[in-house]
Amino acid sequence: MHNPIPKLLAVSLSLFLLQGCGGTKLEAIPANGIILAFGDSLTAGYGVEKAQSYPTVLAELSDRTVINAGISGETTAEGLARLPSVLDQTNPDLMILLEGGNDILRSQDLSQTEANLAAMIELAQNRDVEVVLVGVPYRLAKVAPFYRDLAKEYDLAFAPELIGTLLREESYKSDEVHFNVQGYRLVAEELHGLLDKAGAL
């Protein structure tokens, strides 16, 4: 049975997304446009069927093609190495970047994580691909601070606390760091709202 989103959580998420959009506007994605969902297991949809992953749900909501380019267990270094070929193959209008969780879980050097994400953002922007950045939590913080720095530096549409907020709700998780069907659907719904508010849809 589908559990309704608690009203307080829904309001909180909306506030986070309004904060994340800021003044950043996105180009409208045409009806035949492509959104690239790039990242690790949270993009791949670990814990659910691929049809229940957030990119698949986002495709249904947005009526756009959304390519799921998530690989479970991937670090930002590995993502940076693979991104050029993915961009070549998909030629997207916009990329949703949700990566860094595995770096954090493995206690890697977060200055290098930030540098890797910056390089990925630049790779996309240099090809005129707009980027939406999704923050990943760090320890007790709802988002690792460098995500905010990157969003500001590159003037990105940004969902700062979506992942951290959802991971604090047991009813939306399949394990400690992944979502269940309802959780991934909520990620898709909130990102759809962000894209809509920023003018992409």
N, C-alpha and C. Protein backbone atom coordinates (compact mmCIF):
# COMPACT_ATOMS: atom_id res chain seq x y z
N MET A 1 0.85 -1.20 0.00
CA MET A 1 0.00 0.00 0.00
C MET A 1 0.88 1.24 0.00
N HIS A 2 0.48 2.23 -0.78
CA HIS A 2 1.25 3.46 -0.86
C HIS A 2 1.04 4.29 0.39
N ASN A 3 2.14 4.66 1.05
CA ASN A 3 2.02 5.53 2.22
C ASN A 3 2.09 6.98 1.78
N PRO A 4 1.14 7.82 2.19
CA PRO A 4 1.20 9.22 1.80
C PRO A 4 2.41 9.90 2.40
N ILE A 5 2.93 10.90 1.71
CA ILE A 5 4.07 11.65 2.21
C ILE A 5 3.60 12.48 3.40
N PRO A 6 4.27 12.37 4.54
CA PRO A 6 3.89 13.22 5.67
C PRO A 6 3.89 14.68 5.27
N LYS A 7 2.86 15.40 5.71
CA LYS A 7 2.71 16.79 5.29
C LYS A 7 3.94 17.62 5.63
N LEU A 8 4.49 17.43 6.83
CA LEU A 8 5.64 18.22 7.23
C LEU A 8 6.83 17.94 6.34
N LEU A 9 7.05 16.66 6.00
CA LEU A 9 8.16 16.31 5.13
C LEU A 9 7.97 16.93 3.75
N ALA A 10 6.75 16.86 3.22
CA ALA A 10 6.48 17.42 1.90
C ALA A 10 6.75 18.92 1.88
N VAL A 11 6.32 19.62 2.92
CA VAL A 11 6.57 21.06 2.99
C VAL A 11 8.06 21.34 3.08
N SER A 12 8.77 20.55 3.91
CA SER A 12 10.20 20.75 4.07
C SER A 12 10.93 20.56 2.75
N LEU A 13 10.57 19.50 2.02
CA LEU A 13 11.22 19.24 0.75
C LEU A 13 10.97 20.37 -0.24
N SER A 14 9.76 20.87 -0.27
CA SER A 14 9.45 21.97 -1.18
C SER A 14 10.29 23.19 -0.86
N LEU A 15 10.47 23.46 0.42
CA LEU A 15 11.29 24.60 0.82
C LEU A 15 12.74 24.39 0.39
N PHE A 16 13.24 23.16 0.55
CA PHE A 16 14.61 22.88 0.14
C PHE A 16 14.78 23.10 -1.36
N LEU A 17 13.77 22.69 -2.13
CA LEU A 17 13.88 22.82 -3.58
C LEU A 17 13.79 24.26 -4.01
N LEU A 18 12.94 25.04 -3.36
CA LEU A 18 12.87 26.46 -3.69
C LEU A 18 14.20 27.12 -3.40
N GLN A 19 14.81 26.74 -2.28
CA GLN A 19 16.12 27.25 -1.94
C GLN A 19 17.14 26.82 -2.99
N GLY A 20 17.03 25.56 -3.44
CA GLY A 20 17.99 25.03 -4.38
C GLY A 20 17.93 25.70 -5.74
N CYS A 21 16.71 26.01 -6.19
CA CYS A 21 16.59 26.65 -7.50
C CYS A 21 17.24 28.02 -7.51
N GLY A 22 17.06 28.76 -6.40
CA GLY A 22 17.60 30.10 -6.34
C GLY A 22 17.17 30.91 -7.55
N GLY A 23 18.09 31.69 -8.11
CA GLY A 23 17.76 32.46 -9.29
C GLY A 23 18.19 31.77 -10.56
N THR A 24 18.69 30.56 -10.47
CA THR A 24 19.20 29.86 -11.65
C THR A 24 18.06 29.40 -12.54
N LYS A 25 18.12 29.80 -13.79
CA LYS A 25 17.12 29.37 -14.76
C LYS A 25 17.75 28.42 -15.76
N LEU A 26 16.94 27.50 -16.24
CA LEU A 26 17.40 26.52 -17.22
C LEU A 26 16.69 26.73 -18.54
N GLU A 27 17.37 26.36 -19.61
CA GLU A 27 16.75 26.39 -20.93
C GLU A 27 15.66 25.32 -21.00
N ALA A 28 14.58 25.64 -21.70
CA ALA A 28 13.50 24.66 -21.85
C ALA A 28 14.00 23.46 -22.65
N ILE A 29 13.70 22.29 -22.15
CA ILE A 29 14.07 21.06 -22.85
C ILE A 29 12.98 20.73 -23.86
N PRO A 30 13.32 20.61 -25.14
CA PRO A 30 12.29 20.33 -26.14
C PRO A 30 11.62 18.98 -25.92
N ALA A 31 10.49 18.78 -26.57
CA ALA A 31 9.73 17.53 -26.39
C ALA A 31 10.56 16.31 -26.75
N ASN A 32 11.47 16.47 -27.70
CA ASN A 32 12.32 15.34 -28.08
C ASN A 32 13.69 15.41 -27.42
N GLY A 33 13.81 16.24 -26.39
CA GLY A 33 15.07 16.43 -25.69
C GLY A 33 15.42 15.25 -24.80
N ILE A 34 16.67 15.28 -24.32
CA ILE A 34 17.20 14.17 -23.52
C ILE A 34 17.75 14.69 -22.20
N ILE A 35 17.35 14.05 -21.12
CA ILE A 35 17.91 14.28 -19.80
C ILE A 35 18.81 13.10 -19.47
N LEU A 36 20.04 13.39 -19.08
CA LEU A 36 20.97 12.35 -18.65
C LEU A 36 21.01 12.33 -17.13
N ALA A 37 20.61 11.22 -16.55
CA ALA A 37 20.71 11.02 -15.10
C ALA A 37 22.01 10.27 -14.85
N PHE A 38 23.00 10.98 -14.32
CA PHE A 38 24.35 10.41 -14.17
C PHE A 38 24.68 10.28 -12.69
N GLY A 39 25.19 9.10 -12.30
CA GLY A 39 25.54 8.93 -10.91
C GLY A 39 25.82 7.49 -10.54
N ASP A 40 25.60 7.21 -9.26
CA ASP A 40 25.92 5.88 -8.73
C ASP A 40 24.64 5.10 -8.46
N SER A 41 24.60 4.36 -7.35
CA SER A 41 23.47 3.46 -7.09
C SER A 41 22.15 4.19 -6.88
N LEU A 42 22.19 5.43 -6.37
CA LEU A 42 20.94 6.16 -6.18
C LEU A 42 20.31 6.53 -7.52
N THR A 43 21.12 6.64 -8.55
CA THR A 43 20.60 6.86 -9.89
C THR A 43 20.23 5.53 -10.55
N ALA A 44 21.07 4.53 -10.38
CA ALA A 44 20.79 3.22 -10.97
C ALA A 44 19.49 2.63 -10.43
N GLY A 45 19.16 2.96 -9.16
CA GLY A 45 17.93 2.44 -8.55
C GLY A 45 18.18 1.19 -7.73
N TYR A 46 19.32 1.14 -7.06
CA TYR A 46 19.65 -0.02 -6.24
C TYR A 46 18.55 -0.26 -5.21
N GLY A 47 18.11 -1.52 -5.11
CA GLY A 47 17.09 -1.88 -4.14
C GLY A 47 15.70 -2.03 -4.72
N VAL A 48 15.52 -1.58 -5.98
CA VAL A 48 14.22 -1.70 -6.64
C VAL A 48 14.43 -2.16 -8.08
N GLU A 49 13.34 -2.46 -8.76
CA GLU A 49 13.43 -2.76 -10.20
C GLU A 49 13.81 -1.49 -10.96
N LYS A 50 14.47 -1.65 -12.09
CA LYS A 50 14.91 -0.47 -12.85
C LYS A 50 13.71 0.41 -13.25
N ALA A 51 12.58 -0.21 -13.47
CA ALA A 51 11.37 0.54 -13.83
C ALA A 51 10.90 1.44 -12.69
N GLN A 52 11.40 1.20 -11.48
CA GLN A 52 11.02 2.00 -10.32
C GLN A 52 12.11 2.98 -9.90
N SER A 53 13.19 3.05 -10.68
CA SER A 53 14.27 3.98 -10.38
C SER A 53 13.80 5.41 -10.62
N TYR A 54 14.50 6.37 -10.03
CA TYR A 54 14.05 7.75 -10.20
C TYR A 54 14.11 8.22 -11.65
N PRO A 55 15.13 7.83 -12.47
CA PRO A 55 15.12 8.29 -13.86
C PRO A 55 13.90 7.80 -14.65
N THR A 56 13.48 6.56 -14.41
CA THR A 56 12.31 6.04 -15.12
C THR A 56 11.05 6.80 -14.71
N VAL A 57 10.90 7.05 -13.43
CA VAL A 57 9.74 7.80 -12.96
C VAL A 57 9.78 9.24 -13.48
N LEU A 58 10.97 9.84 -13.49
CA LEU A 58 11.10 11.20 -13.99
C LEU A 58 10.73 11.28 -15.47
N ALA A 59 11.08 10.27 -16.23
CA ALA A 59 10.70 10.24 -17.65
C ALA A 59 9.18 10.26 -17.80
N GLU A 60 8.49 9.50 -16.94
CA GLU A 60 7.02 9.48 -16.99
C GLU A 60 6.45 10.84 -16.63
N LEU A 61 7.00 11.47 -15.61
CA LEU A 61 6.49 12.74 -15.14
C LEU A 61 6.77 13.88 -16.11
N SER A 62 7.94 13.86 -16.72
CA SER A 62 8.38 14.98 -17.55
C SER A 62 8.00 14.83 -19.02
N ASP A 63 7.63 13.63 -19.43
CA ASP A 63 7.36 13.33 -20.84
C ASP A 63 8.59 13.66 -21.69
N ARG A 64 9.77 13.37 -21.13
CA ARG A 64 11.03 13.51 -21.85
C ARG A 64 11.78 12.18 -21.76
N THR A 65 12.72 11.99 -22.65
CA THR A 65 13.60 10.83 -22.55
C THR A 65 14.60 11.08 -21.43
N VAL A 66 14.66 10.16 -20.47
CA VAL A 66 15.62 10.25 -19.38
C VAL A 66 16.48 9.00 -19.41
N ILE A 67 17.76 9.17 -19.65
CA ILE A 67 18.69 8.05 -19.74
C ILE A 67 19.28 7.78 -18.37
N ASN A 68 19.12 6.55 -17.91
CA ASN A 68 19.67 6.15 -16.62
C ASN A 68 21.12 5.70 -16.82
N ALA A 69 22.05 6.57 -16.42
CA ALA A 69 23.47 6.26 -16.52
C ALA A 69 24.06 6.13 -15.13
N GLY A 70 23.35 5.42 -14.26
CA GLY A 70 23.84 5.18 -12.92
C GLY A 70 24.55 3.84 -12.82
N ILE A 71 25.66 3.80 -12.08
CA ILE A 71 26.40 2.56 -11.84
C ILE A 71 26.62 2.42 -10.34
N SER A 72 26.09 1.35 -9.78
CA SER A 72 26.22 1.13 -8.35
C SER A 72 27.68 0.98 -7.94
N GLY A 73 28.03 1.62 -6.84
CA GLY A 73 29.38 1.52 -6.30
C GLY A 73 30.38 2.47 -6.91
N GLU A 74 29.99 3.27 -7.87
CA GLU A 74 30.93 4.13 -8.57
C GLU A 74 31.38 5.30 -7.69
N THR A 75 32.66 5.62 -7.77
CA THR A 75 33.21 6.81 -7.13
C THR A 75 33.22 7.96 -8.14
N THR A 76 33.51 9.16 -7.65
CA THR A 76 33.56 10.30 -8.57
C THR A 76 34.73 10.18 -9.54
N ALA A 77 35.83 9.57 -9.11
CA ALA A 77 36.96 9.38 -10.03
C ALA A 77 36.55 8.48 -11.19
N GLU A 78 35.83 7.42 -10.87
CA GLU A 78 35.35 6.51 -11.91
C GLU A 78 34.30 7.19 -12.78
N GLY A 79 33.45 7.99 -12.17
CA GLY A 79 32.44 8.71 -12.93
C GLY A 79 33.06 9.71 -13.89
N LEU A 80 34.08 10.41 -13.42
CA LEU A 80 34.77 11.37 -14.28
C LEU A 80 35.41 10.67 -15.47
N ALA A 81 35.96 9.50 -15.27
CA ALA A 81 36.60 8.76 -16.36
C ALA A 81 35.57 8.30 -17.40
N ARG A 82 34.37 7.99 -16.96
CA ARG A 82 33.38 7.45 -17.89
C ARG A 82 32.49 8.52 -18.53
N LEU A 83 32.41 9.69 -17.92
CA LEU A 83 31.46 10.70 -18.39
C LEU A 83 31.66 11.12 -19.85
N PRO A 84 32.90 11.37 -20.32
CA PRO A 84 33.02 11.83 -21.71
C PRO A 84 32.37 10.89 -22.72
N SER A 85 32.56 9.59 -22.55
CA SER A 85 31.96 8.66 -23.52
C SER A 85 30.44 8.62 -23.39
N VAL A 86 29.94 8.79 -22.17
CA VAL A 86 28.48 8.81 -21.98
C VAL A 86 27.89 10.05 -22.64
N LEU A 87 28.55 11.19 -22.50
CA LEU A 87 28.08 12.41 -23.16
C LEU A 87 28.12 12.24 -24.68
N ASP A 88 29.18 11.62 -25.19
CA ASP A 88 29.28 11.38 -26.63
C ASP A 88 28.12 10.51 -27.12
N GLN A 89 27.80 9.48 -26.35
CA GLN A 89 26.79 8.51 -26.76
C GLN A 89 25.36 9.06 -26.65
N THR A 90 25.12 9.93 -25.68
CA THR A 90 23.75 10.35 -25.39
C THR A 90 23.39 11.74 -25.89
N ASN A 91 24.38 12.63 -26.00
CA ASN A 91 24.16 14.00 -26.46
C ASN A 91 22.95 14.64 -25.76
N PRO A 92 23.01 14.76 -24.43
CA PRO A 92 21.84 15.25 -23.69
C PRO A 92 21.69 16.76 -23.73
N ASP A 93 20.50 17.23 -23.40
CA ASP A 93 20.25 18.65 -23.22
C ASP A 93 20.59 19.08 -21.80
N LEU A 94 20.42 18.17 -20.86
CA LEU A 94 20.62 18.48 -19.45
C LEU A 94 21.11 17.23 -18.73
N MET A 95 21.97 17.43 -17.74
CA MET A 95 22.47 16.32 -16.93
C MET A 95 22.12 16.55 -15.47
N ILE A 96 21.54 15.53 -14.84
CA ILE A 96 21.34 15.55 -13.39
C ILE A 96 22.49 14.77 -12.79
N LEU A 97 23.30 15.43 -11.98
CA LEU A 97 24.50 14.83 -11.42
C LEU A 97 24.27 14.52 -9.94
N LEU A 98 24.26 13.24 -9.63
CA LEU A 98 24.06 12.76 -8.26
C LEU A 98 25.14 11.73 -7.96
N GLU A 99 26.27 12.21 -7.45
CA GLU A 99 27.39 11.31 -7.21
C GLU A 99 28.25 11.86 -6.07
N GLY A 100 29.00 10.96 -5.45
CA GLY A 100 29.88 11.35 -4.34
C GLY A 100 29.64 10.55 -3.08
N GLY A 101 28.51 9.86 -3.02
CA GLY A 101 28.19 9.09 -1.83
C GLY A 101 29.21 8.00 -1.53
N ASN A 102 29.72 7.34 -2.56
CA ASN A 102 30.69 6.27 -2.34
C ASN A 102 32.04 6.82 -1.89
N ASP A 103 32.40 8.00 -2.36
CA ASP A 103 33.62 8.65 -1.86
C ASP A 103 33.49 8.90 -0.36
N ILE A 104 32.33 9.41 0.05
CA ILE A 104 32.10 9.71 1.46
C ILE A 104 32.10 8.44 2.29
N LEU A 105 31.41 7.41 1.82
CA LEU A 105 31.33 6.15 2.57
C LEU A 105 32.70 5.49 2.72
N ARG A 106 33.58 5.72 1.74
CA ARG A 106 34.91 5.09 1.77
C ARG A 106 35.97 6.02 2.36
N SER A 107 35.53 7.14 2.93
CA SER A 107 36.43 8.10 3.59
C SER A 107 37.55 8.57 2.67
N GLN A 108 37.19 8.83 1.41
CA GLN A 108 38.17 9.35 0.47
C GLN A 108 38.40 10.84 0.70
N ASP A 109 39.45 11.36 0.10
CA ASP A 109 39.79 12.78 0.21
C ASP A 109 38.69 13.61 -0.46
N LEU A 110 37.92 14.35 0.34
CA LEU A 110 36.77 15.05 -0.20
C LEU A 110 37.16 16.27 -1.04
N SER A 111 38.39 16.76 -0.87
CA SER A 111 38.83 17.82 -1.78
C SER A 111 38.97 17.26 -3.20
N GLN A 112 39.39 16.00 -3.29
CA GLN A 112 39.47 15.37 -4.61
C GLN A 112 38.08 15.06 -5.15
N THR A 113 37.16 14.68 -4.26
CA THR A 113 35.77 14.47 -4.67
C THR A 113 35.21 15.74 -5.28
N GLU A 114 35.43 16.87 -4.61
CA GLU A 114 34.96 18.15 -5.13
C GLU A 114 35.58 18.46 -6.49
N ALA A 115 36.89 18.20 -6.61
CA ALA A 115 37.57 18.46 -7.88
C ALA A 115 37.02 17.57 -9.00
N ASN A 116 36.73 16.33 -8.68
CA ASN A 116 36.16 15.42 -9.68
C ASN A 116 34.78 15.90 -10.14
N LEU A 117 33.96 16.30 -9.19
CA LEU A 117 32.63 16.80 -9.54
C LEU A 117 32.74 18.08 -10.37
N ALA A 118 33.65 18.96 -9.99
CA ALA A 118 33.86 20.19 -10.76
C ALA A 118 34.25 19.86 -12.20
N ALA A 119 35.12 18.88 -12.37
CA ALA A 119 35.54 18.49 -13.72
C ALA A 119 34.37 17.92 -14.51
N MET A 120 33.50 17.16 -13.85
CA MET A 120 32.32 16.62 -14.54
C MET A 120 31.38 17.75 -14.96
N ILE A 121 31.19 18.71 -14.09
CA ILE A 121 30.33 19.85 -14.41
C ILE A 121 30.89 20.60 -15.62
N GLU A 122 32.21 20.82 -15.62
CA GLU A 122 32.84 21.54 -16.72
C GLU A 122 32.77 20.75 -18.02
N LEU A 123 32.93 19.44 -17.94
CA LEU A 123 32.79 18.62 -19.15
C LEU A 123 31.43 18.82 -19.79
N ALA A 124 30.39 18.81 -18.95
CA ALA A 124 29.03 18.99 -19.47
C ALA A 124 28.83 20.40 -20.00
N GLN A 125 29.20 21.39 -19.21
CA GLN A 125 28.96 22.78 -19.62
C GLN A 125 29.74 23.14 -20.87
N ASN A 126 30.92 22.58 -21.03
CA ASN A 126 31.71 22.86 -22.24
C ASN A 126 31.05 22.31 -23.50
N ARG A 127 30.10 21.40 -23.32
CA ARG A 127 29.34 20.85 -24.45
C ARG A 127 27.93 21.46 -24.50
N ASP A 128 27.74 22.56 -23.76
CA ASP A 128 26.44 23.23 -23.69
C ASP A 128 25.36 22.33 -23.11
N VAL A 129 25.75 21.47 -22.20
CA VAL A 129 24.80 20.63 -21.47
C VAL A 129 24.59 21.26 -20.10
N GLU A 130 23.36 21.64 -19.80
CA GLU A 130 23.09 22.23 -18.50
C GLU A 130 23.14 21.16 -17.41
N VAL A 131 23.46 21.59 -16.20
CA VAL A 131 23.67 20.65 -15.10
C VAL A 131 22.78 21.01 -13.91
N VAL A 132 22.12 19.99 -13.38
CA VAL A 132 21.43 20.09 -12.10
C VAL A 132 22.23 19.24 -11.12
N LEU A 133 22.63 19.84 -10.02
CA LEU A 133 23.44 19.15 -9.02
C LEU A 133 22.56 18.74 -7.84
N VAL A 134 22.73 17.50 -7.42
CA VAL A 134 22.01 16.98 -6.26
C VAL A 134 23.02 16.72 -5.15
N GLY A 135 22.80 17.34 -4.00
CA GLY A 135 23.73 17.20 -2.89
C GLY A 135 23.62 15.85 -2.20
N VAL A 136 24.73 15.41 -1.63
CA VAL A 136 24.80 14.14 -0.89
C VAL A 136 25.18 14.45 0.55
N PRO A 137 24.53 13.81 1.52
CA PRO A 137 24.82 14.12 2.93
C PRO A 137 26.18 13.63 3.37
N TYR A 138 26.71 14.29 4.42
CA TYR A 138 27.99 13.94 5.00
C TYR A 138 27.88 13.97 6.51
N ARG A 139 28.08 12.81 7.14
CA ARG A 139 27.97 12.68 8.58
C ARG A 139 26.62 13.21 9.04
N LEU A 140 26.59 14.17 9.94
CA LEU A 140 25.32 14.67 10.46
C LEU A 140 24.73 15.79 9.61
N ALA A 141 25.48 16.27 8.64
CA ALA A 141 24.99 17.35 7.79
C ALA A 141 24.04 16.80 6.73
N LYS A 142 23.04 17.60 6.38
CA LYS A 142 22.11 17.16 5.34
C LYS A 142 22.72 17.22 3.95
N VAL A 143 23.81 17.94 3.82
CA VAL A 143 24.53 17.96 2.55
C VAL A 143 25.99 18.29 2.84
N ALA A 144 26.90 17.60 2.15
CA ALA A 144 28.32 17.93 2.29
C ALA A 144 28.55 19.36 1.79
N PRO A 145 29.28 20.18 2.53
CA PRO A 145 29.37 21.61 2.20
C PRO A 145 29.87 21.93 0.80
N PHE A 146 30.74 21.08 0.25
CA PHE A 146 31.31 21.42 -1.06
C PHE A 146 30.28 21.39 -2.18
N TYR A 147 29.16 20.71 -1.98
CA TYR A 147 28.11 20.75 -3.01
C TYR A 147 27.54 22.16 -3.16
N ARG A 148 27.35 22.83 -2.04
CA ARG A 148 26.87 24.22 -2.10
C ARG A 148 27.90 25.11 -2.80
N ASP A 149 29.18 24.87 -2.50
CA ASP A 149 30.23 25.66 -3.14
C ASP A 149 30.22 25.46 -4.65
N LEU A 150 30.07 24.23 -5.08
CA LEU A 150 30.04 23.94 -6.52
C LEU A 150 28.83 24.57 -7.18
N ALA A 151 27.67 24.47 -6.53
CA ALA A 151 26.45 25.04 -7.11
C ALA A 151 26.59 26.55 -7.28
N LYS A 152 27.21 27.18 -6.31
CA LYS A 152 27.40 28.64 -6.39
C LYS A 152 28.43 28.99 -7.45
N GLU A 153 29.55 28.27 -7.46
CA GLU A 153 30.62 28.59 -8.40
C GLU A 153 30.17 28.44 -9.85
N TYR A 154 29.38 27.40 -10.13
CA TYR A 154 28.98 27.12 -11.51
C TYR A 154 27.55 27.57 -11.81
N ASP A 155 26.92 28.27 -10.86
CA ASP A 155 25.57 28.80 -11.04
C ASP A 155 24.60 27.71 -11.49
N LEU A 156 24.51 26.66 -10.67
CA LEU A 156 23.72 25.49 -11.02
C LEU A 156 22.36 25.50 -10.33
N ALA A 157 21.37 24.96 -10.99
CA ALA A 157 20.15 24.56 -10.30
C ALA A 157 20.55 23.43 -9.36
N PHE A 158 20.06 23.48 -8.13
CA PHE A 158 20.66 22.67 -7.07
C PHE A 158 19.59 22.17 -6.11
N ALA A 159 19.62 20.87 -5.84
CA ALA A 159 18.76 20.27 -4.82
C ALA A 159 19.66 19.92 -3.64
N PRO A 160 19.79 20.81 -2.66
CA PRO A 160 20.81 20.63 -1.63
C PRO A 160 20.53 19.52 -0.62
N GLU A 161 19.31 19.41 -0.17
CA GLU A 161 19.05 18.56 0.99
C GLU A 161 18.02 17.47 0.72
N LEU A 162 17.68 17.27 -0.52
CA LEU A 162 16.68 16.25 -0.87
C LEU A 162 17.11 14.86 -0.41
N ILE A 163 18.32 14.44 -0.75
CA ILE A 163 18.77 13.09 -0.42
C ILE A 163 18.93 12.93 1.09
N GLY A 164 19.56 13.90 1.73
CA GLY A 164 19.76 13.82 3.17
C GLY A 164 18.46 13.78 3.94
N THR A 165 17.48 14.56 3.49
CA THR A 165 16.18 14.58 4.17
C THR A 165 15.47 13.24 4.04
N LEU A 166 15.47 12.69 2.84
CA LEU A 166 14.80 11.41 2.63
C LEU A 166 15.48 10.27 3.38
N LEU A 167 16.81 10.30 3.45
CA LEU A 167 17.52 9.22 4.12
C LEU A 167 17.31 9.24 5.63
N ARG A 168 16.73 10.31 6.14
CA ARG A 168 16.40 10.37 7.56
C ARG A 168 15.00 9.81 7.84
N GLU A 169 14.30 9.42 6.79
CA GLU A 169 12.94 8.86 6.93
C GLU A 169 12.99 7.36 6.63
N GLU A 170 12.85 6.56 7.67
CA GLU A 170 12.97 5.10 7.50
C GLU A 170 11.96 4.55 6.50
N SER A 171 10.79 5.18 6.41
CA SER A 171 9.74 4.66 5.54
C SER A 171 10.06 4.79 4.06
N TYR A 172 11.13 5.51 3.71
CA TYR A 172 11.50 5.68 2.31
C TYR A 172 12.79 4.96 1.95
N LYS A 173 13.31 4.12 2.84
CA LYS A 173 14.60 3.47 2.60
C LYS A 173 14.46 1.95 2.46
N SER A 174 15.30 1.39 1.60
CA SER A 174 15.40 -0.08 1.50
C SER A 174 16.54 -0.60 2.37
N ASP A 175 17.53 0.27 2.62
CA ASP A 175 18.61 -0.03 3.56
C ASP A 175 19.14 1.32 4.06
N GLU A 176 20.31 1.33 4.67
CA GLU A 176 20.78 2.57 5.30
C GLU A 176 21.08 3.69 4.31
N VAL A 177 21.43 3.35 3.08
CA VAL A 177 21.86 4.39 2.13
C VAL A 177 21.11 4.36 0.80
N HIS A 178 20.07 3.52 0.69
CA HIS A 178 19.31 3.45 -0.57
C HIS A 178 17.82 3.57 -0.28
N PHE A 179 17.09 3.94 -1.31
CA PHE A 179 15.66 4.16 -1.18
C PHE A 179 14.85 2.93 -1.58
N ASN A 180 13.60 2.93 -1.16
CA ASN A 180 12.64 1.94 -1.64
C ASN A 180 11.83 2.58 -2.77
N VAL A 181 10.79 1.89 -3.21
CA VAL A 181 9.99 2.40 -4.34
C VAL A 181 9.46 3.80 -4.06
N GLN A 182 8.93 4.00 -2.88
CA GLN A 182 8.35 5.31 -2.53
C GLN A 182 9.43 6.38 -2.48
N GLY A 183 10.60 6.01 -1.95
CA GLY A 183 11.68 6.98 -1.86
C GLY A 183 12.17 7.44 -3.21
N TYR A 184 12.39 6.49 -4.13
CA TYR A 184 12.84 6.88 -5.47
C TYR A 184 11.78 7.69 -6.20
N ARG A 185 10.52 7.34 -6.00
CA ARG A 185 9.45 8.13 -6.63
C ARG A 185 9.47 9.55 -6.11
N LEU A 186 9.71 9.72 -4.83
CA LEU A 186 9.75 11.07 -4.27
C LEU A 186 10.94 11.85 -4.81
N VAL A 187 12.08 11.20 -4.97
CA VAL A 187 13.23 11.86 -5.61
C VAL A 187 12.83 12.36 -6.99
N ALA A 188 12.18 11.51 -7.77
CA ALA A 188 11.77 11.90 -9.13
C ALA A 188 10.78 13.05 -9.09
N GLU A 189 9.80 12.99 -8.20
CA GLU A 189 8.79 14.04 -8.12
C GLU A 189 9.41 15.38 -7.75
N GLU A 190 10.33 15.35 -6.79
CA GLU A 190 10.95 16.61 -6.36
C GLU A 190 11.88 17.17 -7.44
N LEU A 191 12.62 16.31 -8.13
CA LEU A 191 13.46 16.80 -9.21
C LEU A 191 12.62 17.32 -10.37
N HIS A 192 11.49 16.68 -10.62
CA HIS A 192 10.56 17.19 -11.63
C HIS A 192 10.10 18.59 -11.24
N GLY A 193 9.78 18.78 -9.98
CA GLY A 193 9.38 20.10 -9.51
C GLY A 193 10.48 21.13 -9.67
N LEU A 194 11.71 20.73 -9.38
CA LEU A 194 12.84 21.65 -9.55
C LEU A 194 12.99 22.05 -11.02
N LEU A 195 12.95 21.06 -11.92
CA LEU A 195 13.09 21.35 -13.35
C LEU A 195 11.98 22.26 -13.83
N ASP A 196 10.79 22.03 -13.33
CA ASP A 196 9.65 22.85 -13.74
C ASP A 196 9.82 24.29 -13.26
N LYS A 197 10.19 24.45 -11.99
CA LYS A 197 10.35 25.80 -11.43
C LYS A 197 11.49 26.56 -12.10
N ALA A 198 12.52 25.83 -12.53
CA ALA A 198 13.67 26.48 -13.17
C ALA A 198 13.44 26.74 -14.64
N GLY A 199 12.32 26.29 -15.20
CA GLY A 199 11.99 26.59 -16.59
C GLY A 199 12.40 25.54 -17.60
N ALA A 200 12.91 24.39 -17.13
CA ALA A 200 13.35 23.35 -18.07
C ALA A 200 12.18 22.60 -18.69
N LEU A 201 11.04 22.56 -17.98
CA LEU A 201 9.88 21.81 -18.47
C LEU A 201 8.69 22.73 -18.66
